[in-house]
Amino acid sequence: MAIGKSKLHEMLDRARQLDDAVAWLKTFTPQTRKELADLIRNGQLARKKEDATGDHIGFYSPVTEQIDPSKEAGTPYTLKDTGEFYQSIYVQVFQKSIRFDADDEKMRGQSWYTEQIVALSDENFKKLIQKVKKAYIKEARRVLFRTR
C-alpha cells in the first residue's frame, strides 16, 4: 500500500474537512430552533412561571384579578395574555453563538422586565448542550465515515 493511500490517511484527510462552524450551524435546524424557543415558552414561562434565573417575573395584583378573574392575585405572571409575545420568541444562530429574543417592546418599560425572561435556564441550557453534542457527533460521523 502506498504512503498516504491507507484508510487511515483517507480518514485523516476527511477529518481536515470537518469544520466546527459548519457542524454548529447544522445543529440548529428549524425544528431545533423551535424546540429551544418552546423550552422558554412552555417550560420556563408557562409551566414554571420563571425567568432564566429561576425567579418569578412578577405577581398579579388584586386589581388585575378584578379586571381579569383568570389572573388570580398573588400568582406569578405567565406573560401569555394574548399569546403574541410567546409566538414572537425566536432563536438566531451565529457562527459561534446563539441569541434568544422576542418582540418585547410592550414590556420593556415595565419595572419587572429583564433580559432573563427570554433566555435559557441552567436546566434548559444543559438540554441545549446535549442537543449540540449529539448533532456534532452526527456531523463528525457524516464527514469522517461518509454516512448520511
N, C-alpha and C. Protein backbone atom coordinates (compact mmCIF):
# COMPACT_ATOMS: atom_id res chain seq x y z
N MET A 1 0.85 -1.17 0.00
CA MET A 1 0.00 0.00 0.00
C MET A 1 0.90 1.24 0.00
N ALA A 2 0.58 2.19 -0.82
CA ALA A 2 1.38 3.40 -0.94
C ALA A 2 1.15 4.32 0.27
N ILE A 3 2.18 5.07 0.60
CA ILE A 3 2.08 6.02 1.71
C ILE A 3 1.03 7.07 1.35
N GLY A 4 0.15 7.36 2.28
CA GLY A 4 -0.89 8.35 2.05
C GLY A 4 -2.13 7.78 1.39
N LYS A 5 -2.16 6.51 1.13
CA LYS A 5 -3.31 5.90 0.45
C LYS A 5 -4.07 4.92 1.36
N SER A 6 -3.69 4.82 2.62
CA SER A 6 -4.36 3.87 3.50
C SER A 6 -5.71 4.43 3.92
N LYS A 7 -6.54 3.59 4.51
CA LYS A 7 -7.86 4.02 5.02
C LYS A 7 -7.68 5.09 6.10
N LEU A 8 -6.63 4.92 6.90
CA LEU A 8 -6.36 5.89 7.95
C LEU A 8 -6.05 7.26 7.36
N HIS A 9 -5.23 7.28 6.32
CA HIS A 9 -4.90 8.56 5.67
C HIS A 9 -6.14 9.20 5.05
N GLU A 10 -6.99 8.38 4.45
CA GLU A 10 -8.23 8.90 3.87
C GLU A 10 -9.11 9.54 4.96
N MET A 11 -9.19 8.87 6.10
CA MET A 11 -10.00 9.41 7.19
C MET A 11 -9.38 10.70 7.73
N LEU A 12 -8.06 10.76 7.83
CA LEU A 12 -7.40 11.98 8.28
C LEU A 12 -7.66 13.13 7.31
N ASP A 13 -7.66 12.83 6.02
CA ASP A 13 -7.99 13.86 5.03
C ASP A 13 -9.42 14.37 5.24
N ARG A 14 -10.33 13.45 5.49
CA ARG A 14 -11.72 13.86 5.73
C ARG A 14 -11.84 14.64 7.04
N ALA A 15 -11.04 14.27 8.05
CA ALA A 15 -11.07 14.97 9.34
C ALA A 15 -10.68 16.44 9.15
N ARG A 16 -9.78 16.69 8.23
CA ARG A 16 -9.38 18.08 7.95
C ARG A 16 -10.53 18.88 7.37
N GLN A 17 -11.52 18.19 6.80
CA GLN A 17 -12.68 18.86 6.21
C GLN A 17 -13.76 19.18 7.26
N LEU A 18 -13.62 18.58 8.43
CA LEU A 18 -14.60 18.82 9.48
C LEU A 18 -14.45 20.25 9.98
N ASP A 19 -15.50 21.00 9.89
CA ASP A 19 -15.48 22.41 10.24
C ASP A 19 -16.41 22.63 11.43
N ASP A 20 -15.86 23.15 12.52
CA ASP A 20 -16.69 23.39 13.71
C ASP A 20 -17.87 24.31 13.42
N ALA A 21 -17.64 25.36 12.67
CA ALA A 21 -18.71 26.32 12.38
C ALA A 21 -19.83 25.66 11.58
N VAL A 22 -19.47 24.84 10.61
CA VAL A 22 -20.49 24.15 9.81
C VAL A 22 -21.27 23.18 10.69
N ALA A 23 -20.57 22.42 11.51
CA ALA A 23 -21.24 21.48 12.41
C ALA A 23 -22.17 22.22 13.36
N TRP A 24 -21.71 23.35 13.88
CA TRP A 24 -22.52 24.18 14.79
C TRP A 24 -23.78 24.65 14.09
N LEU A 25 -23.64 25.19 12.90
CA LEU A 25 -24.80 25.71 12.17
C LEU A 25 -25.77 24.61 11.77
N LYS A 26 -25.25 23.44 11.41
CA LYS A 26 -26.12 22.32 11.04
C LYS A 26 -26.90 21.78 12.24
N THR A 27 -26.40 22.04 13.42
CA THR A 27 -27.09 21.61 14.64
C THR A 27 -28.45 22.29 14.78
N PHE A 28 -28.53 23.52 14.36
CA PHE A 28 -29.72 24.33 14.61
C PHE A 28 -30.66 24.34 13.41
N THR A 29 -31.30 23.21 13.19
CA THR A 29 -32.32 23.10 12.15
C THR A 29 -33.53 23.93 12.59
N PRO A 30 -34.44 24.23 11.67
CA PRO A 30 -35.66 24.94 12.08
C PRO A 30 -36.39 24.22 13.22
N GLN A 31 -36.42 22.90 13.19
CA GLN A 31 -37.09 22.14 14.25
C GLN A 31 -36.37 22.33 15.58
N THR A 32 -35.05 22.32 15.56
CA THR A 32 -34.27 22.50 16.80
C THR A 32 -34.49 23.90 17.35
N ARG A 33 -34.52 24.88 16.49
CA ARG A 33 -34.76 26.27 16.93
C ARG A 33 -36.12 26.39 17.60
N LYS A 34 -37.13 25.75 17.00
CA LYS A 34 -38.48 25.77 17.58
C LYS A 34 -38.48 25.09 18.94
N GLU A 35 -37.81 23.95 19.05
CA GLU A 35 -37.74 23.23 20.33
C GLU A 35 -37.08 24.09 21.41
N LEU A 36 -36.04 24.82 21.04
CA LEU A 36 -35.37 25.68 22.02
C LEU A 36 -36.27 26.83 22.45
N ALA A 37 -36.97 27.43 21.52
CA ALA A 37 -37.91 28.50 21.86
C ALA A 37 -39.02 27.95 22.74
N ASP A 38 -39.46 26.71 22.46
CA ASP A 38 -40.50 26.08 23.27
C ASP A 38 -40.03 25.80 24.70
N LEU A 39 -38.74 25.55 24.88
CA LEU A 39 -38.22 25.37 26.24
C LEU A 39 -38.47 26.62 27.07
N ILE A 40 -38.32 27.78 26.44
CA ILE A 40 -38.58 29.04 27.14
C ILE A 40 -40.08 29.25 27.28
N ARG A 41 -40.80 29.16 26.16
CA ARG A 41 -42.26 29.41 26.17
C ARG A 41 -43.00 28.49 27.13
N ASN A 42 -42.85 27.20 26.89
CA ASN A 42 -43.68 26.22 27.60
C ASN A 42 -43.08 25.77 28.92
N GLY A 43 -41.76 25.64 28.97
CA GLY A 43 -41.13 25.16 30.19
C GLY A 43 -40.95 26.24 31.23
N GLN A 44 -40.24 27.28 30.88
CA GLN A 44 -39.91 28.30 31.85
C GLN A 44 -41.09 29.24 32.15
N LEU A 45 -41.70 29.78 31.10
CA LEU A 45 -42.72 30.80 31.32
C LEU A 45 -44.09 30.22 31.66
N ALA A 46 -44.61 29.32 30.83
CA ALA A 46 -45.97 28.82 31.04
C ALA A 46 -46.06 27.86 32.23
N ARG A 47 -45.15 26.91 32.30
CA ARG A 47 -45.24 25.88 33.34
C ARG A 47 -44.65 26.36 34.67
N LYS A 48 -43.40 26.81 34.63
CA LYS A 48 -42.73 27.21 35.88
C LYS A 48 -42.99 28.66 36.26
N LYS A 49 -43.37 29.47 35.29
CA LYS A 49 -43.63 30.90 35.51
C LYS A 49 -42.39 31.61 36.06
N GLU A 50 -41.23 31.26 35.45
CA GLU A 50 -39.95 31.80 35.90
C GLU A 50 -39.13 32.31 34.72
N ASP A 51 -38.20 33.20 35.04
CA ASP A 51 -37.23 33.62 34.03
C ASP A 51 -36.06 32.63 34.04
N ALA A 52 -35.01 32.93 33.32
CA ALA A 52 -33.88 32.01 33.19
C ALA A 52 -33.13 31.80 34.51
N THR A 53 -33.24 32.74 35.44
CA THR A 53 -32.54 32.62 36.71
C THR A 53 -33.36 31.87 37.75
N GLY A 54 -34.59 31.51 37.41
CA GLY A 54 -35.46 30.81 38.35
C GLY A 54 -36.32 31.73 39.19
N ASP A 55 -36.27 33.02 38.89
CA ASP A 55 -37.07 33.99 39.64
C ASP A 55 -38.43 34.18 38.96
N HIS A 56 -39.47 34.38 39.78
CA HIS A 56 -40.77 34.74 39.22
C HIS A 56 -40.66 36.14 38.64
N ILE A 57 -41.33 36.34 37.54
CA ILE A 57 -41.23 37.62 36.84
C ILE A 57 -41.95 38.72 37.63
N GLY A 58 -43.08 38.38 38.16
CA GLY A 58 -43.90 39.30 38.94
C GLY A 58 -45.15 38.56 39.37
N PHE A 59 -46.01 39.25 40.13
CA PHE A 59 -47.21 38.61 40.63
C PHE A 59 -48.43 39.48 40.32
N TYR A 60 -49.51 38.81 39.97
CA TYR A 60 -50.74 39.54 39.68
C TYR A 60 -51.28 40.19 40.95
N SER A 61 -51.83 41.39 40.79
CA SER A 61 -52.37 42.14 41.91
C SER A 61 -53.88 41.90 42.04
N PRO A 62 -54.46 42.29 43.18
CA PRO A 62 -55.92 42.18 43.31
C PRO A 62 -56.68 42.98 42.24
N VAL A 63 -56.11 44.11 41.85
CA VAL A 63 -56.75 44.92 40.80
C VAL A 63 -56.77 44.15 39.48
N THR A 64 -55.66 43.51 39.15
CA THR A 64 -55.59 42.71 37.92
C THR A 64 -56.62 41.59 37.97
N GLU A 65 -56.76 40.97 39.13
CA GLU A 65 -57.74 39.89 39.27
C GLU A 65 -59.16 40.40 39.05
N GLN A 66 -59.46 41.63 39.50
CA GLN A 66 -60.79 42.21 39.29
C GLN A 66 -61.04 42.46 37.81
N ILE A 67 -60.00 42.87 37.09
CA ILE A 67 -60.13 43.14 35.66
C ILE A 67 -60.24 41.83 34.89
N ASP A 68 -59.42 40.85 35.26
CA ASP A 68 -59.39 39.55 34.57
C ASP A 68 -59.34 38.45 35.63
N PRO A 69 -60.48 37.86 35.96
CA PRO A 69 -60.52 36.84 37.02
C PRO A 69 -59.64 35.60 36.75
N SER A 70 -59.22 35.39 35.51
CA SER A 70 -58.33 34.26 35.23
C SER A 70 -56.92 34.49 35.78
N LYS A 71 -56.62 35.73 36.14
CA LYS A 71 -55.31 36.08 36.71
C LYS A 71 -55.49 36.30 38.21
N GLU A 72 -55.33 35.22 38.94
CA GLU A 72 -55.54 35.24 40.38
C GLU A 72 -54.47 36.05 41.10
N ALA A 73 -54.91 36.95 41.95
CA ALA A 73 -53.98 37.80 42.72
C ALA A 73 -52.97 36.93 43.47
N GLY A 74 -51.71 37.33 43.42
CA GLY A 74 -50.65 36.61 44.13
C GLY A 74 -50.02 35.49 43.32
N THR A 75 -50.58 35.15 42.15
CA THR A 75 -49.97 34.12 41.32
C THR A 75 -48.98 34.77 40.36
N PRO A 76 -47.95 34.03 39.96
CA PRO A 76 -46.91 34.60 39.09
C PRO A 76 -47.40 34.90 37.67
N TYR A 77 -46.81 35.92 37.08
CA TYR A 77 -47.07 36.25 35.68
C TYR A 77 -46.67 35.06 34.80
N THR A 78 -47.43 34.89 33.72
CA THR A 78 -47.07 33.89 32.71
C THR A 78 -46.66 34.58 31.41
N LEU A 79 -47.06 35.83 31.23
CA LEU A 79 -46.81 36.62 30.02
C LEU A 79 -47.51 36.02 28.79
N LYS A 80 -48.57 35.27 29.02
CA LYS A 80 -49.26 34.62 27.90
C LYS A 80 -50.63 35.25 27.63
N ASP A 81 -50.81 36.49 27.95
CA ASP A 81 -52.12 37.12 27.81
C ASP A 81 -52.77 36.86 26.46
N THR A 82 -52.14 37.33 25.39
CA THR A 82 -52.71 37.13 24.05
C THR A 82 -52.01 36.02 23.28
N GLY A 83 -50.84 35.63 23.77
CA GLY A 83 -50.04 34.63 23.05
C GLY A 83 -49.10 35.27 22.05
N GLU A 84 -49.27 36.56 21.82
CA GLU A 84 -48.45 37.29 20.84
C GLU A 84 -46.96 37.26 21.23
N PHE A 85 -46.68 37.52 22.50
CA PHE A 85 -45.30 37.52 22.97
C PHE A 85 -44.70 36.12 22.82
N TYR A 86 -45.43 35.09 23.25
CA TYR A 86 -44.94 33.71 23.14
C TYR A 86 -44.58 33.36 21.71
N GLN A 87 -45.45 33.73 20.80
CA GLN A 87 -45.21 33.39 19.39
C GLN A 87 -44.06 34.18 18.80
N SER A 88 -43.72 35.29 19.42
CA SER A 88 -42.62 36.11 18.88
C SER A 88 -41.24 35.63 19.34
N ILE A 89 -41.17 34.70 20.27
CA ILE A 89 -39.87 34.21 20.76
C ILE A 89 -39.19 33.44 19.64
N TYR A 90 -37.92 33.76 19.40
CA TYR A 90 -37.18 33.09 18.33
C TYR A 90 -35.71 32.92 18.70
N VAL A 91 -35.04 32.10 17.91
CA VAL A 91 -33.63 31.80 18.13
C VAL A 91 -32.85 32.20 16.89
N GLN A 92 -31.81 32.99 17.08
CA GLN A 92 -30.89 33.35 15.99
C GLN A 92 -29.59 32.60 16.22
N VAL A 93 -29.06 32.04 15.16
CA VAL A 93 -27.81 31.28 15.28
C VAL A 93 -26.73 31.99 14.47
N PHE A 94 -25.63 32.23 15.13
CA PHE A 94 -24.47 32.84 14.50
C PHE A 94 -23.34 31.83 14.48
N GLN A 95 -22.24 32.17 13.89
CA GLN A 95 -21.14 31.23 13.71
C GLN A 95 -20.63 30.66 15.04
N LYS A 96 -20.63 31.46 16.08
CA LYS A 96 -20.10 30.97 17.36
C LYS A 96 -21.03 31.25 18.54
N SER A 97 -22.27 31.59 18.27
CA SER A 97 -23.18 31.90 19.36
C SER A 97 -24.63 31.74 18.92
N ILE A 98 -25.50 31.79 19.90
CA ILE A 98 -26.93 31.81 19.62
C ILE A 98 -27.54 32.94 20.43
N ARG A 99 -28.66 33.44 19.95
CA ARG A 99 -29.33 34.55 20.62
C ARG A 99 -30.82 34.24 20.70
N PHE A 100 -31.38 34.38 21.87
CA PHE A 100 -32.81 34.22 22.08
C PHE A 100 -33.40 35.61 22.17
N ASP A 101 -34.52 35.83 21.48
CA ASP A 101 -35.12 37.16 21.50
C ASP A 101 -36.62 37.03 21.27
N ALA A 102 -37.31 38.15 21.43
CA ALA A 102 -38.75 38.20 21.21
C ALA A 102 -39.16 39.64 21.00
N ASP A 103 -40.37 39.81 20.53
CA ASP A 103 -40.92 41.16 20.40
C ASP A 103 -41.43 41.55 21.79
N ASP A 104 -40.57 42.21 22.52
CA ASP A 104 -40.88 42.55 23.91
C ASP A 104 -41.06 44.06 24.10
N GLU A 105 -41.33 44.75 23.02
CA GLU A 105 -41.41 46.21 23.08
C GLU A 105 -42.46 46.69 24.09
N LYS A 106 -43.58 45.99 24.19
CA LYS A 106 -44.65 46.40 25.11
C LYS A 106 -44.23 46.26 26.57
N MET A 107 -43.28 45.38 26.84
CA MET A 107 -42.90 45.10 28.22
C MET A 107 -41.64 45.81 28.66
N ARG A 108 -40.84 46.30 27.74
CA ARG A 108 -39.53 46.86 28.08
C ARG A 108 -39.60 47.99 29.11
N GLY A 109 -40.64 48.74 29.14
CA GLY A 109 -40.75 49.85 30.10
C GLY A 109 -41.22 49.43 31.48
N GLN A 110 -41.59 48.17 31.62
CA GLN A 110 -42.10 47.69 32.91
C GLN A 110 -40.95 47.48 33.91
N SER A 111 -41.21 47.77 35.16
CA SER A 111 -40.17 47.65 36.18
C SER A 111 -39.72 46.20 36.39
N TRP A 112 -40.58 45.26 36.11
CA TRP A 112 -40.26 43.85 36.32
C TRP A 112 -39.54 43.21 35.14
N TYR A 113 -39.45 43.90 34.03
CA TYR A 113 -38.88 43.30 32.82
C TYR A 113 -37.35 43.16 32.93
N THR A 114 -36.84 41.97 32.55
CA THR A 114 -35.39 41.76 32.48
C THR A 114 -35.07 40.97 31.22
N GLU A 115 -33.82 40.99 30.81
CA GLU A 115 -33.36 40.21 29.66
C GLU A 115 -33.44 38.71 29.93
N GLN A 116 -33.52 38.33 31.20
CA GLN A 116 -33.55 36.91 31.57
C GLN A 116 -34.88 36.25 31.25
N ILE A 117 -35.88 37.02 30.87
CA ILE A 117 -37.19 36.44 30.52
C ILE A 117 -37.06 35.60 29.25
N VAL A 118 -36.27 36.08 28.30
CA VAL A 118 -36.07 35.34 27.05
C VAL A 118 -34.64 34.83 27.01
N ALA A 119 -34.35 33.92 27.91
CA ALA A 119 -33.03 33.28 28.00
C ALA A 119 -33.24 31.88 28.55
N LEU A 120 -32.25 31.02 28.36
CA LEU A 120 -32.36 29.64 28.84
C LEU A 120 -31.95 29.52 30.31
N SER A 121 -32.73 28.77 31.06
CA SER A 121 -32.36 28.43 32.43
C SER A 121 -31.19 27.46 32.37
N ASP A 122 -30.55 27.25 33.50
CA ASP A 122 -29.43 26.28 33.55
C ASP A 122 -29.90 24.90 33.11
N GLU A 123 -31.08 24.51 33.56
CA GLU A 123 -31.64 23.19 33.19
C GLU A 123 -31.82 23.09 31.67
N ASN A 124 -32.37 24.12 31.07
CA ASN A 124 -32.58 24.11 29.63
C ASN A 124 -31.28 24.29 28.86
N PHE A 125 -30.32 24.99 29.45
CA PHE A 125 -29.01 25.12 28.81
C PHE A 125 -28.33 23.75 28.72
N LYS A 126 -28.49 22.94 29.75
CA LYS A 126 -27.95 21.58 29.72
C LYS A 126 -28.60 20.76 28.61
N LYS A 127 -29.89 20.97 28.39
CA LYS A 127 -30.59 20.28 27.30
C LYS A 127 -30.02 20.74 25.96
N LEU A 128 -29.73 22.02 25.84
CA LEU A 128 -29.12 22.55 24.62
C LEU A 128 -27.76 21.91 24.39
N ILE A 129 -26.96 21.80 25.43
CA ILE A 129 -25.63 21.19 25.30
C ILE A 129 -25.75 19.77 24.76
N GLN A 130 -26.70 19.00 25.27
CA GLN A 130 -26.88 17.62 24.81
C GLN A 130 -27.30 17.58 23.34
N LYS A 131 -28.20 18.50 22.93
CA LYS A 131 -28.61 18.56 21.53
C LYS A 131 -27.43 18.88 20.63
N VAL A 132 -26.63 19.86 21.03
CA VAL A 132 -25.46 20.25 20.23
C VAL A 132 -24.46 19.10 20.16
N LYS A 133 -24.24 18.46 21.27
CA LYS A 133 -23.29 17.34 21.32
C LYS A 133 -23.72 16.22 20.36
N LYS A 134 -24.99 15.83 20.43
CA LYS A 134 -25.49 14.76 19.55
C LYS A 134 -25.38 15.15 18.09
N ALA A 135 -25.76 16.37 17.79
CA ALA A 135 -25.71 16.83 16.40
C ALA A 135 -24.27 16.94 15.90
N TYR A 136 -23.36 17.39 16.76
CA TYR A 136 -21.97 17.50 16.36
C TYR A 136 -21.38 16.11 16.08
N ILE A 137 -21.69 15.16 16.94
CA ILE A 137 -21.20 13.79 16.73
C ILE A 137 -21.76 13.23 15.42
N LYS A 138 -23.01 13.50 15.15
CA LYS A 138 -23.63 13.04 13.89
C LYS A 138 -22.91 13.66 12.69
N GLU A 139 -22.62 14.95 12.77
CA GLU A 139 -21.92 15.62 11.67
C GLU A 139 -20.49 15.10 11.51
N ALA A 140 -19.81 14.86 12.63
CA ALA A 140 -18.45 14.32 12.57
C ALA A 140 -18.45 12.93 11.91
N ARG A 141 -19.41 12.11 12.27
CA ARG A 141 -19.51 10.78 11.66
C ARG A 141 -19.81 10.88 10.17
N ARG A 142 -20.67 11.85 9.82
CA ARG A 142 -21.01 12.04 8.41
C ARG A 142 -19.77 12.37 7.60
N VAL A 143 -18.96 13.27 8.12
CA VAL A 143 -17.75 13.69 7.41
C VAL A 143 -16.70 12.59 7.42
N LEU A 144 -16.45 12.00 8.57
CA LEU A 144 -15.37 11.01 8.68
C LEU A 144 -15.69 9.69 7.99
N PHE A 145 -16.93 9.25 8.12
CA PHE A 145 -17.28 7.94 7.60
C PHE A 145 -18.17 7.99 6.37
N ARG A 146 -18.44 9.23 5.91
CA ARG A 146 -19.28 9.45 4.73
C ARG A 146 -20.63 8.77 4.85
N THR A 147 -21.25 8.99 6.01
CA THR A 147 -22.60 8.47 6.23
C THR A 147 -23.60 9.61 6.04
N ARG A 148 -24.84 9.28 6.09
CA ARG A 148 -25.89 10.32 5.92
C ARG A 148 -26.36 10.85 7.22
